[in-house]
């Protein structure tokens, strides 16, 4: 069982988006207030899951960051989507697992 820290503000939808590949999983936590989400990457070591990286929306704007996520466990690459809000444009963040 994986336990995570409680959010500091707003209502968090931990697990709003999930992707698993090989021994890696990426989990989006879309906050509904103030619409600034978080993402966490974990790796399976034996029968346990260990946190590898955590991301916050670096722009701190209402964007629903973490609304969609994907990971490739073989190449250790990930993608995080943010749909944007109202008239704001969405964004995507690409990266490699450290």
Protein backbone atom coordinates (compact mmCIF):
# COMPACT_ATOMS: atom_id res chain seq x y z
CA UNK A 1 0.00 0.00 0.00
CA UNK A 2 1.33 3.40 -1.01
CA UNK A 3 0.79 6.32 1.32
CA UNK A 4 1.28 9.91 0.25
CA UNK A 5 1.40 13.23 2.04
CA UNK A 6 -1.79 15.20 2.31
CA UNK A 7 -1.99 18.29 0.11
CA UNK A 8 -1.37 21.62 1.80
CA UNK A 9 -4.36 23.32 0.20
CA UNK A 10 -7.36 22.60 -1.97
CA UNK A 11 -8.92 19.30 -2.88
CA UNK A 12 -6.43 16.87 -4.41
CA UNK A 13 -7.49 14.17 -6.81
CA UNK A 14 -4.48 11.91 -6.29
CA UNK A 15 -4.64 9.24 -8.97
CA UNK A 16 -6.62 11.41 -11.42
CA UNK A 17 -4.22 10.12 -14.06
CA UNK A 18 -1.96 7.08 -13.85
CA UNK A 19 0.44 5.37 -16.24
CA UNK A 20 2.60 2.32 -15.58
CA UNK A 21 5.37 0.83 -17.69
CA UNK A 22 7.87 -1.78 -16.55
CA UNK A 23 8.88 -0.94 -12.98
CA UNK A 24 7.80 2.71 -13.22
CA UNK A 25 4.51 4.43 -12.44
CA UNK A 26 3.60 8.10 -12.81
CA UNK A 27 0.63 9.48 -10.87
CA UNK A 28 -1.09 12.82 -11.34
CA UNK A 29 -2.74 14.69 -8.48
CA UNK A 30 -4.94 17.36 -9.99
CA UNK A 31 -5.90 20.00 -7.44
CA UNK A 32 -9.37 21.45 -7.91
CA UNK A 33 -8.56 24.56 -5.91
CA UNK A 34 -6.50 26.48 -6.95
CA UNK A 35 -6.14 24.17 -10.01
CA UNK A 36 -2.39 23.68 -9.50
CA UNK A 37 -1.56 19.98 -9.64
CA UNK A 38 1.34 17.74 -8.69
CA UNK A 39 2.87 14.62 -10.20
CA UNK A 40 4.86 11.80 -8.62
CA UNK A 41 7.03 9.10 -10.24
CA UNK A 42 7.72 5.86 -8.38
CA UNK A 43 9.86 2.82 -9.14
CA UNK A 44 9.19 -0.72 -7.96
CA UNK A 45 12.08 -2.25 -6.06
CA UNK A 46 11.24 -5.83 -5.13
CA UNK A 47 7.75 -5.70 -3.67
CA UNK A 48 7.93 -2.03 -2.63
CA UNK A 49 7.38 1.27 -4.44
CA UNK A 50 9.89 4.07 -3.90
CA UNK A 51 9.34 7.71 -4.81
CA UNK A 52 11.85 8.85 -7.43
CA UNK A 53 10.67 12.31 -8.48
CA UNK A 54 7.95 14.84 -7.66
CA UNK A 55 6.82 17.76 -9.79
CA UNK A 56 4.76 20.86 -9.16
CA UNK A 57 3.42 23.20 -11.79
CA UNK A 58 6.43 25.50 -12.13
CA UNK A 59 4.30 28.35 -13.47
CA UNK A 60 1.86 28.17 -10.53
CA UNK A 61 -1.07 29.16 -12.75
CA UNK A 62 -4.48 27.50 -12.94
CA UNK A 63 -3.74 24.80 -15.51
CA UNK A 64 -4.84 21.45 -14.06
CA UNK A 65 -1.22 20.26 -14.20
CA UNK A 66 -1.11 16.45 -13.99
CA UNK A 67 -4.50 16.01 -15.65
CA UNK A 68 -2.84 13.52 -17.99
CA UNK A 69 0.41 11.57 -17.62
CA UNK A 70 2.37 8.90 -19.49
CA UNK A 71 5.62 7.04 -18.85
CA UNK A 72 7.93 4.72 -20.80
CA UNK A 73 9.72 2.49 -18.29
CA UNK A 74 12.20 1.18 -20.88
CA UNK A 75 13.54 4.58 -21.91
CA UNK A 76 12.70 6.30 -18.60
CA UNK A 77 10.85 9.12 -20.39
CA UNK A 78 7.66 10.78 -19.18
CA UNK A 79 5.03 13.25 -20.32
CA UNK A 80 2.79 15.43 -18.14
CA UNK A 81 -0.22 17.28 -19.56
CA UNK A 82 -2.06 20.34 -18.30
CA UNK A 83 -5.34 21.11 -20.01
CA UNK A 84 -5.43 24.81 -19.13
CA UNK A 85 -8.40 26.67 -17.74
CA UNK A 86 -11.08 28.74 -19.50
CA UNK A 87 -9.23 30.92 -22.02
CA UNK A 88 -5.75 29.75 -20.98
CA UNK A 89 -3.85 27.44 -23.27
CA UNK A 90 -2.76 24.01 -22.07
CA UNK A 91 0.82 22.76 -21.88
CA UNK A 92 2.87 19.58 -21.88
CA UNK A 93 6.06 18.80 -19.98
CA UNK A 94 8.49 16.17 -21.30
CA UNK A 95 11.39 14.72 -19.35
CA UNK A 96 13.59 11.84 -18.32
CA UNK A 97 13.43 10.08 -14.97
CA UNK A 98 16.46 10.91 -12.82
